[in-house]
N, C-alpha and C. Protein backbone atom coordinates (compact mmCIF):
# COMPACT_ATOMS: atom_id res chain seq x y z
N MET A 1 9.34 -4.51 0.05
CA MET A 1 9.62 -3.30 -0.60
C MET A 1 10.53 -2.32 0.36
N PRO A 2 11.81 -2.02 -0.14
CA PRO A 2 12.63 -1.25 0.72
C PRO A 2 11.94 0.26 1.05
N ALA A 3 12.24 0.84 2.13
CA ALA A 3 11.80 2.14 2.59
C ALA A 3 12.05 3.13 1.54
N SER A 4 13.02 3.05 0.90
CA SER A 4 13.23 4.13 -0.07
C SER A 4 12.35 3.99 -1.21
N HIS A 5 11.96 2.91 -1.65
CA HIS A 5 11.10 2.61 -2.81
C HIS A 5 9.65 3.06 -2.19
N LYS A 6 9.15 2.56 -0.98
CA LYS A 6 8.00 3.24 -0.52
C LYS A 6 7.91 4.67 -0.44
N GLU A 7 8.86 5.48 0.01
CA GLU A 7 8.95 6.70 -0.03
C GLU A 7 8.88 7.32 -1.48
N LYS A 8 9.63 6.71 -2.34
CA LYS A 8 9.34 7.28 -3.75
C LYS A 8 8.14 7.13 -4.37
N PHE A 9 7.49 5.88 -4.04
CA PHE A 9 6.07 5.64 -4.56
C PHE A 9 5.15 6.71 -4.04
N MET A 10 5.36 6.69 -2.63
CA MET A 10 4.35 7.58 -2.19
C MET A 10 4.54 9.18 -2.56
N THR A 11 5.69 9.54 -2.79
CA THR A 11 5.91 10.83 -3.18
C THR A 11 5.38 10.95 -4.76
N ASP A 12 5.49 9.79 -5.72
CA ASP A 12 4.98 9.92 -6.73
C ASP A 12 3.58 9.95 -6.83
N ILE A 13 2.96 9.16 -5.96
CA ILE A 13 1.63 9.21 -5.94
C ILE A 13 0.99 10.41 -5.65
N LYS A 14 1.56 11.17 -4.53
CA LYS A 14 1.13 12.33 -4.08
C LYS A 14 1.30 13.56 -5.17
N ALA A 15 2.29 13.45 -5.96
CA ALA A 15 2.75 14.41 -6.92
C ALA A 15 1.71 14.25 -7.98
N VAL A 16 1.37 13.08 -8.53
CA VAL A 16 0.39 12.84 -9.52
C VAL A 16 -1.14 13.27 -9.09
N LEU A 17 -1.52 13.07 -7.89
CA LEU A 17 -2.70 13.43 -7.36
C LEU A 17 -2.83 14.85 -7.28
N ALA A 18 -1.65 15.66 -6.66
CA ALA A 18 -1.83 17.04 -6.60
C ALA A 18 -1.91 17.61 -7.99
N ASP A 19 -1.25 17.22 -8.89
CA ASP A 19 -1.35 17.60 -10.41
C ASP A 19 -2.69 17.37 -10.84
N ALA A 20 -3.32 16.29 -10.73
CA ALA A 20 -4.79 16.09 -11.06
C ALA A 20 -5.60 16.99 -10.45
N GLU A 21 -5.47 17.10 -9.36
CA GLU A 21 -6.30 17.98 -8.36
C GLU A 21 -6.19 19.54 -9.04
N ASP A 22 -4.96 19.77 -9.24
CA ASP A 22 -4.92 21.23 -9.90
C ASP A 22 -5.39 21.25 -11.14
N LEU A 23 -5.17 20.23 -12.06
CA LEU A 23 -5.90 20.54 -13.30
C LEU A 23 -7.43 20.30 -13.37
N LEU A 24 -7.97 19.69 -12.15
CA LEU A 24 -9.50 19.75 -12.12
C LEU A 24 -10.00 21.13 -11.57
N LYS A 25 -9.03 21.78 -10.69
CA LYS A 25 -9.52 23.21 -10.28
C LYS A 25 -9.52 24.04 -11.53
N GLN A 26 -8.50 23.96 -12.27
CA GLN A 26 -8.40 24.70 -13.54
C GLN A 26 -9.52 24.41 -14.55
N ALA A 27 -9.82 23.20 -14.61
CA ALA A 27 -10.94 23.04 -15.52
C ALA A 27 -12.32 23.63 -14.94
N ALA A 28 -12.27 23.46 -13.66
CA ALA A 28 -13.64 24.18 -13.03
C ALA A 28 -13.80 25.77 -13.35
N SER A 29 -12.76 26.27 -13.45
CA SER A 29 -12.78 27.67 -13.80
C SER A 29 -12.67 27.86 -15.16
N THR A 30 -12.64 27.32 -16.05
CA THR A 30 -12.39 27.41 -17.56
C THR A 30 -13.73 26.70 -18.23
N THR A 31 -13.95 27.07 -19.40
CA THR A 31 -14.90 26.56 -20.06
C THR A 31 -14.63 26.31 -21.46
N GLY A 32 -15.38 25.52 -22.06
CA GLY A 32 -15.01 25.18 -23.29
C GLY A 32 -13.90 23.99 -23.77
N ASP A 33 -13.55 23.79 -24.86
CA ASP A 33 -12.38 22.95 -25.31
C ASP A 33 -11.27 22.87 -24.17
N ARG A 34 -10.70 24.05 -23.65
CA ARG A 34 -9.74 24.06 -22.57
C ARG A 34 -10.06 23.34 -21.34
N ALA A 35 -11.40 23.36 -20.93
CA ALA A 35 -11.80 22.81 -19.93
C ALA A 35 -11.88 21.10 -20.02
N ASN A 36 -12.40 20.68 -21.31
CA ASN A 36 -12.31 19.46 -21.50
C ASN A 36 -11.02 18.76 -21.54
N GLU A 37 -9.84 19.57 -21.98
CA GLU A 37 -8.79 19.17 -22.13
C GLU A 37 -8.10 18.93 -20.77
N LEU A 38 -8.36 19.94 -20.04
CA LEU A 38 -7.79 19.82 -18.65
C LEU A 38 -8.65 18.69 -17.86
N ARG A 39 -9.85 18.38 -17.95
CA ARG A 39 -10.35 17.17 -17.49
C ARG A 39 -9.82 16.02 -17.77
N GLU A 40 -9.46 15.87 -19.25
CA GLU A 40 -8.91 14.65 -19.73
C GLU A 40 -7.60 14.40 -19.18
N LYS A 41 -6.87 15.38 -19.06
CA LYS A 41 -5.37 15.27 -18.56
C LYS A 41 -5.36 14.81 -17.06
N ALA A 42 -6.37 15.25 -16.24
CA ALA A 42 -6.63 15.06 -14.84
C ALA A 42 -6.97 13.64 -14.70
N MET A 43 -7.81 13.05 -15.59
CA MET A 43 -8.38 11.82 -15.55
C MET A 43 -7.22 10.85 -16.08
N ALA A 44 -6.30 11.25 -16.99
CA ALA A 44 -5.17 10.38 -17.39
C ALA A 44 -4.24 10.35 -16.10
N GLN A 45 -3.96 11.34 -15.31
CA GLN A 45 -3.09 11.23 -14.21
C GLN A 45 -3.52 10.39 -13.21
N LEU A 46 -4.92 10.68 -12.98
CA LEU A 46 -5.48 9.62 -11.90
C LEU A 46 -5.60 8.27 -12.33
N LYS A 47 -5.69 7.92 -13.59
CA LYS A 47 -5.67 6.46 -14.09
C LYS A 47 -4.20 6.07 -13.86
N GLN A 48 -3.09 6.94 -14.27
CA GLN A 48 -1.82 6.64 -14.06
C GLN A 48 -1.47 6.25 -12.47
N ALA A 49 -1.98 7.05 -11.56
CA ALA A 49 -1.82 6.72 -10.14
C ALA A 49 -2.59 5.46 -9.68
N LYS A 50 -3.67 5.31 -10.27
CA LYS A 50 -4.41 4.08 -9.93
C LYS A 50 -3.49 2.71 -10.43
N GLU A 51 -2.96 2.82 -11.65
CA GLU A 51 -2.10 1.84 -12.18
C GLU A 51 -0.91 1.60 -11.23
N LYS A 52 -0.26 2.37 -10.73
CA LYS A 52 0.88 2.44 -9.94
C LYS A 52 0.61 1.83 -8.73
N ALA A 53 -0.71 2.20 -7.98
CA ALA A 53 -1.14 1.64 -6.81
C ALA A 53 -1.59 0.03 -6.88
N ALA A 54 -2.11 -0.40 -8.10
CA ALA A 54 -2.32 -1.61 -8.53
C ALA A 54 -1.01 -2.48 -8.58
N ASP A 55 -0.01 -1.85 -9.11
CA ASP A 55 1.33 -2.63 -9.22
C ASP A 55 1.89 -2.80 -8.03
N VAL A 56 1.84 -1.82 -6.88
CA VAL A 56 2.34 -2.14 -5.66
C VAL A 56 1.45 -3.13 -4.85
N GLN A 57 0.21 -3.08 -5.15
CA GLN A 57 -0.71 -4.08 -4.47
C GLN A 57 -0.20 -5.31 -4.97
N VAL A 58 -0.04 -5.70 -6.22
CA VAL A 58 0.46 -7.04 -6.56
C VAL A 58 1.65 -7.46 -5.95
N ILE A 59 2.68 -6.49 -5.85
CA ILE A 59 3.91 -6.87 -5.19
C ILE A 59 3.75 -7.14 -3.59
N VAL A 60 3.00 -6.43 -2.90
CA VAL A 60 2.63 -6.67 -1.54
C VAL A 60 1.75 -7.89 -1.23
N VAL A 61 0.91 -8.25 -2.15
CA VAL A 61 0.33 -9.54 -1.99
C VAL A 61 1.38 -10.71 -2.54
N GLU A 62 2.05 -10.63 -3.53
CA GLU A 62 3.28 -11.87 -3.62
C GLU A 62 4.11 -11.85 -2.45
N LYS A 63 4.69 -10.65 -1.72
CA LYS A 63 5.59 -10.85 -0.68
C LYS A 63 4.72 -11.25 0.49
N GLY A 64 3.45 -11.07 0.70
CA GLY A 64 2.56 -11.66 1.54
C GLY A 64 2.37 -12.93 1.66
N LYS A 65 2.32 -13.57 0.41
CA LYS A 65 2.19 -14.96 0.21
C LYS A 65 3.46 -15.82 0.39
N ALA A 66 4.52 -15.28 -0.12
CA ALA A 66 6.01 -15.79 0.25
C ALA A 66 6.20 -15.76 1.59
N ALA A 67 5.81 -14.74 2.38
CA ALA A 67 6.02 -14.77 3.86
C ALA A 67 5.31 -15.82 4.52
N ALA A 68 4.05 -16.07 3.89
CA ALA A 68 2.97 -17.02 4.67
C ALA A 68 3.61 -18.44 4.26
N ARG A 69 4.29 -18.69 3.15
CA ARG A 69 4.84 -20.03 2.79
C ARG A 69 6.02 -20.39 3.52
N VAL A 70 6.89 -19.29 3.68
CA VAL A 70 8.06 -19.31 4.77
C VAL A 70 7.80 -19.66 6.17
N THR A 71 6.48 -18.98 6.57
CA THR A 71 6.11 -19.30 7.95
C THR A 71 5.61 -20.70 8.14
N ASP A 72 4.73 -21.15 7.10
CA ASP A 72 4.34 -22.45 7.02
C ASP A 72 5.30 -23.60 7.08
N ASP A 73 6.37 -23.14 6.24
CA ASP A 73 7.44 -24.21 6.29
C ASP A 73 8.19 -24.47 7.66
N TYR A 74 8.22 -23.20 8.18
CA TYR A 74 9.07 -23.11 9.53
C TYR A 74 8.32 -23.90 10.50
N VAL A 75 6.94 -23.63 10.64
CA VAL A 75 6.03 -24.44 11.50
C VAL A 75 6.03 -25.78 11.29
N HIS A 76 5.98 -26.25 10.08
CA HIS A 76 6.17 -27.56 9.85
C HIS A 76 7.49 -28.25 10.18
N ASP A 77 8.69 -27.58 9.98
CA ASP A 77 9.90 -28.04 10.19
C ASP A 77 10.28 -27.91 11.84
N HIS A 78 9.65 -27.04 12.37
CA HIS A 78 9.98 -26.81 13.89
C HIS A 78 8.69 -26.68 14.65
N PRO A 79 7.93 -27.77 14.83
CA PRO A 79 6.51 -27.44 15.37
C PRO A 79 6.57 -27.22 16.82
N TRP A 80 7.62 -27.73 17.74
CA TRP A 80 7.69 -27.57 19.03
C TRP A 80 8.18 -26.18 19.41
N GLN A 81 9.18 -25.65 18.64
CA GLN A 81 9.59 -24.42 18.85
C GLN A 81 8.35 -23.16 18.43
N SER A 82 7.74 -23.58 17.37
CA SER A 82 6.58 -22.64 17.06
C SER A 82 5.56 -22.56 18.06
N LEU A 83 5.36 -23.71 18.61
CA LEU A 83 4.17 -23.96 19.90
C LEU A 83 4.82 -22.97 20.98
N GLY A 84 6.14 -23.09 21.22
CA GLY A 84 6.62 -22.27 22.36
C GLY A 84 6.63 -20.82 22.18
N MET A 85 7.07 -20.38 20.99
CA MET A 85 6.66 -19.12 20.63
C MET A 85 5.50 -18.50 20.61
N ALA A 86 4.30 -19.32 20.12
CA ALA A 86 3.03 -18.96 20.25
C ALA A 86 2.51 -18.80 21.67
N ALA A 87 2.92 -19.78 22.71
CA ALA A 87 2.55 -19.70 24.09
C ALA A 87 3.14 -18.41 24.61
N ALA A 88 4.35 -18.27 24.34
CA ALA A 88 5.11 -17.07 24.96
C ALA A 88 4.41 -15.82 24.56
N ALA A 89 4.03 -15.65 23.19
CA ALA A 89 3.51 -14.46 22.85
C ALA A 89 1.93 -14.44 23.46
N GLY A 90 1.29 -15.22 23.39
CA GLY A 90 -0.04 -15.31 24.11
C GLY A 90 -0.06 -14.89 25.82
N PHE A 91 1.19 -15.49 26.31
CA PHE A 91 1.35 -14.96 27.64
C PHE A 91 1.68 -13.72 27.82
N VAL A 92 2.58 -13.00 27.04
CA VAL A 92 2.86 -11.50 27.05
C VAL A 92 1.63 -10.76 26.76
N VAL A 93 0.91 -11.17 25.79
CA VAL A 93 -0.23 -10.51 25.59
C VAL A 93 -1.36 -10.55 26.53
N GLY A 94 -1.41 -11.48 27.30
CA GLY A 94 -2.29 -11.73 28.46
C GLY A 94 -2.04 -10.92 29.46
N LEU A 95 -0.60 -10.75 29.71
CA LEU A 95 -0.05 -9.94 30.76
C LEU A 95 -0.41 -8.50 30.37
N LEU A 96 -0.26 -8.19 29.03
CA LEU A 96 -0.48 -6.73 28.88
C LEU A 96 -1.98 -6.32 28.85
N ILE A 97 -2.93 -7.24 28.58
CA ILE A 97 -4.17 -7.08 28.44
C ILE A 97 -4.80 -6.81 30.04
N ASN A 98 -4.23 -7.78 30.90
CA ASN A 98 -4.44 -7.95 32.28
C ASN A 98 -4.04 -6.64 32.97
N ARG A 99 -2.90 -6.00 32.68
CA ARG A 99 -2.58 -4.74 33.26
C ARG A 99 -3.50 -3.56 33.26
N LYS A 100 -4.19 -3.39 32.15
CA LYS A 100 -5.20 -2.36 32.06
C LYS A 100 -6.17 -2.38 33.03
């Protein structure tokens, strides 16, 4: 997911949640049918935010699985290079941990 899409998604979610929060605050200070209407609108907006988050979760999981497949293919195609990279990464992490 490109950075601009992430920013737009977060902006959309924050706006929906802010609107829902505002509606719930209005409903708390209102009584009767108007309060019920405000609560229903707030719940609808929260449901919308939840659905958007679920959509993004599906995309993230799919991209994660694709990355895992690519990594698995690379490791199978280039085992010695993979082993060398893992050893180098372990060495660097060991140096960093030992430094503290």
